[in-house]
Amino acid sequence: MRPFALNYVRPVQNLEVATPFTYDSLLQLNVLQDGHLAAHDYVLLRELGATTSIAGSKTHFDD
């Protein structure tokens, strides 16, 4: 028997996305190319909505 939900599942598309920040494991925060904290860049936060880290849970945000 095939579960009902599988009739509507679409394959996940892997999108190539370049983020303007990287994860700093010592600070445990996302930092910009110039070394400033990504969470302090309000323009970036407005564009992306948040600076979630790929190193941890997707539910935690840098703040």
N, C-alpha and C. Protein backbone atom coordinates (compact mmCIF):
# COMPACT_ATOMS: atom_id res chain seq x y z
N MET A 1 0.84 -1.17 0.00
CA MET A 1 0.00 0.00 0.00
C MET A 1 0.90 1.25 0.00
N ARG A 2 0.59 2.17 -0.86
CA ARG A 2 1.36 3.41 -0.96
C ARG A 2 0.69 4.50 -0.12
N PRO A 3 1.47 5.14 0.79
CA PRO A 3 0.87 6.22 1.60
C PRO A 3 0.34 7.34 0.72
N PHE A 4 -0.79 7.91 1.13
CA PHE A 4 -1.47 8.95 0.36
C PHE A 4 -0.55 10.13 0.06
N ALA A 5 0.28 10.54 1.04
CA ALA A 5 1.13 11.72 0.87
C ALA A 5 2.13 11.55 -0.27
N LEU A 6 2.56 10.33 -0.55
CA LEU A 6 3.55 10.11 -1.62
C LEU A 6 3.00 10.44 -3.00
N ASN A 7 1.70 10.55 -3.15
CA ASN A 7 1.13 10.94 -4.43
C ASN A 7 1.43 12.40 -4.75
N TYR A 8 1.77 13.20 -3.74
CA TYR A 8 1.97 14.63 -3.93
C TYR A 8 3.40 15.10 -3.65
N VAL A 9 4.29 14.20 -3.36
CA VAL A 9 5.67 14.55 -3.03
C VAL A 9 6.42 14.92 -4.29
N ARG A 10 7.16 16.02 -4.20
CA ARG A 10 8.03 16.42 -5.30
C ARG A 10 9.48 16.24 -4.88
N PRO A 11 10.37 15.87 -5.77
CA PRO A 11 11.78 15.72 -5.38
C PRO A 11 12.38 17.05 -4.94
N VAL A 12 13.28 16.99 -4.00
CA VAL A 12 13.96 18.19 -3.50
C VAL A 12 14.94 18.68 -4.55
N GLN A 13 14.91 19.97 -4.81
CA GLN A 13 15.85 20.56 -5.76
C GLN A 13 17.02 21.12 -4.98
N ASN A 14 18.22 20.73 -5.36
CA ASN A 14 19.41 21.29 -4.73
C ASN A 14 19.76 22.59 -5.44
N LEU A 15 19.58 23.69 -4.74
CA LEU A 15 19.87 24.99 -5.32
C LEU A 15 21.28 25.43 -4.92
N GLU A 16 21.99 25.98 -5.88
CA GLU A 16 23.31 26.53 -5.60
C GLU A 16 23.12 27.94 -5.08
N VAL A 17 23.37 28.14 -3.80
CA VAL A 17 23.18 29.44 -3.19
C VAL A 17 24.49 29.87 -2.54
N ALA A 18 24.90 31.07 -2.85
CA ALA A 18 26.10 31.62 -2.23
C ALA A 18 25.68 32.55 -1.10
N THR A 19 26.12 32.25 0.10
CA THR A 19 25.80 33.10 1.23
C THR A 19 26.96 34.06 1.48
N PRO A 20 26.65 35.28 1.87
CA PRO A 20 27.71 36.27 2.10
C PRO A 20 28.37 36.12 3.47
N PHE A 21 28.09 35.03 4.18
CA PHE A 21 28.69 34.81 5.49
C PHE A 21 29.15 33.37 5.62
N THR A 22 30.04 33.12 6.56
CA THR A 22 30.52 31.77 6.85
C THR A 22 30.41 31.52 8.35
N TYR A 23 30.41 30.26 8.72
CA TYR A 23 30.29 29.90 10.13
C TYR A 23 31.67 29.89 10.77
N ASP A 24 31.82 30.60 11.88
CA ASP A 24 33.05 30.62 12.65
C ASP A 24 32.86 29.70 13.85
N SER A 25 33.56 28.57 13.86
CA SER A 25 33.35 27.59 14.93
C SER A 25 33.87 28.07 16.28
N LEU A 26 34.84 28.97 16.30
CA LEU A 26 35.32 29.50 17.58
C LEU A 26 34.30 30.44 18.22
N LEU A 27 33.72 31.32 17.42
CA LEU A 27 32.68 32.22 17.92
C LEU A 27 31.32 31.55 18.01
N GLN A 28 31.15 30.49 17.24
CA GLN A 28 29.87 29.79 17.07
C GLN A 28 28.81 30.74 16.55
N LEU A 29 29.22 31.60 15.61
CA LEU A 29 28.33 32.56 14.96
C LEU A 29 28.70 32.65 13.49
N ASN A 30 27.80 33.19 12.70
CA ASN A 30 28.09 33.46 11.30
C ASN A 30 28.76 34.82 11.20
N VAL A 31 29.84 34.88 10.41
CA VAL A 31 30.57 36.13 10.24
C VAL A 31 30.63 36.49 8.76
N LEU A 32 30.69 37.78 8.49
CA LEU A 32 30.80 38.28 7.12
C LEU A 32 32.25 38.18 6.65
N GLN A 33 32.47 38.45 5.37
CA GLN A 33 33.82 38.40 4.79
C GLN A 33 34.79 39.32 5.53
N ASP A 34 34.30 40.47 6.03
CA ASP A 34 35.17 41.44 6.70
C ASP A 34 35.35 41.14 8.19
N GLY A 35 34.76 40.05 8.69
CA GLY A 35 34.93 39.65 10.08
C GLY A 35 33.85 40.11 11.02
N HIS A 36 32.95 40.97 10.57
CA HIS A 36 31.84 41.43 11.42
C HIS A 36 30.79 40.33 11.54
N LEU A 37 30.02 40.39 12.62
CA LEU A 37 28.97 39.39 12.82
C LEU A 37 27.85 39.58 11.81
N ALA A 38 27.40 38.50 11.23
CA ALA A 38 26.33 38.56 10.24
C ALA A 38 25.02 39.02 10.87
N ALA A 39 24.82 38.71 12.14
CA ALA A 39 23.58 39.09 12.82
C ALA A 39 23.48 40.59 13.03
N HIS A 40 24.59 41.31 12.89
CA HIS A 40 24.56 42.77 13.05
C HIS A 40 24.35 43.50 11.73
N ASP A 41 24.31 42.77 10.64
CA ASP A 41 24.09 43.37 9.32
C ASP A 41 22.59 43.36 9.04
N TYR A 42 21.94 44.48 9.34
CA TYR A 42 20.47 44.53 9.25
C TYR A 42 19.96 44.44 7.82
N VAL A 43 20.74 44.91 6.86
CA VAL A 43 20.34 44.78 5.45
C VAL A 43 20.32 43.30 5.06
N LEU A 44 21.34 42.58 5.47
CA LEU A 44 21.41 41.14 5.20
C LEU A 44 20.25 40.41 5.86
N LEU A 45 19.96 40.76 7.10
CA LEU A 45 18.84 40.12 7.80
C LEU A 45 17.51 40.40 7.13
N ARG A 46 17.32 41.62 6.61
CA ARG A 46 16.09 41.93 5.89
C ARG A 46 15.98 41.10 4.62
N GLU A 47 17.10 40.89 3.92
CA GLU A 47 17.06 40.14 2.67
C GLU A 47 16.86 38.65 2.90
N LEU A 48 17.57 38.09 3.88
CA LEU A 48 17.54 36.64 4.10
C LEU A 48 16.54 36.20 5.16
N GLY A 49 16.10 37.12 5.99
CA GLY A 49 15.18 36.77 7.05
C GLY A 49 15.89 36.35 8.32
N ALA A 50 17.03 35.71 8.21
CA ALA A 50 17.83 35.29 9.36
C ALA A 50 19.17 34.80 8.85
N THR A 51 20.07 34.55 9.76
CA THR A 51 21.36 33.98 9.38
C THR A 51 21.50 32.62 10.04
N THR A 52 20.66 31.68 9.65
CA THR A 52 20.72 30.36 10.26
C THR A 52 22.02 29.68 9.88
N SER A 53 22.57 28.99 10.81
CA SER A 53 23.83 28.30 10.60
C SER A 53 23.56 26.91 10.05
N ILE A 54 24.42 26.46 9.15
CA ILE A 54 24.27 25.09 8.64
C ILE A 54 25.00 24.11 9.55
N ALA A 55 25.72 24.62 10.55
CA ALA A 55 26.46 23.75 11.46
C ALA A 55 25.57 23.14 12.53
N GLY A 56 24.48 23.78 12.84
CA GLY A 56 23.62 23.30 13.92
C GLY A 56 22.18 23.15 13.47
N SER A 57 21.31 23.24 14.42
CA SER A 57 19.89 23.10 14.15
C SER A 57 19.38 24.26 13.32
N LYS A 58 18.50 23.99 12.40
CA LYS A 58 17.92 25.04 11.56
C LYS A 58 16.94 25.91 12.34
N THR A 59 16.63 25.54 13.57
CA THR A 59 15.67 26.33 14.35
C THR A 59 16.36 27.40 15.19
N HIS A 60 17.69 27.36 15.29
CA HIS A 60 18.40 28.36 16.09
C HIS A 60 18.98 29.44 15.19
N PHE A 61 18.83 30.67 15.59
CA PHE A 61 19.31 31.81 14.81
C PHE A 61 20.44 32.50 15.57
N ASP A 62 21.34 33.10 14.84
CA ASP A 62 22.38 33.92 15.47
C ASP A 62 21.72 35.21 15.95
N ASP A 63 21.95 35.52 17.19
CA ASP A 63 21.38 36.78 17.68
C ASP A 63 22.33 37.47 18.63
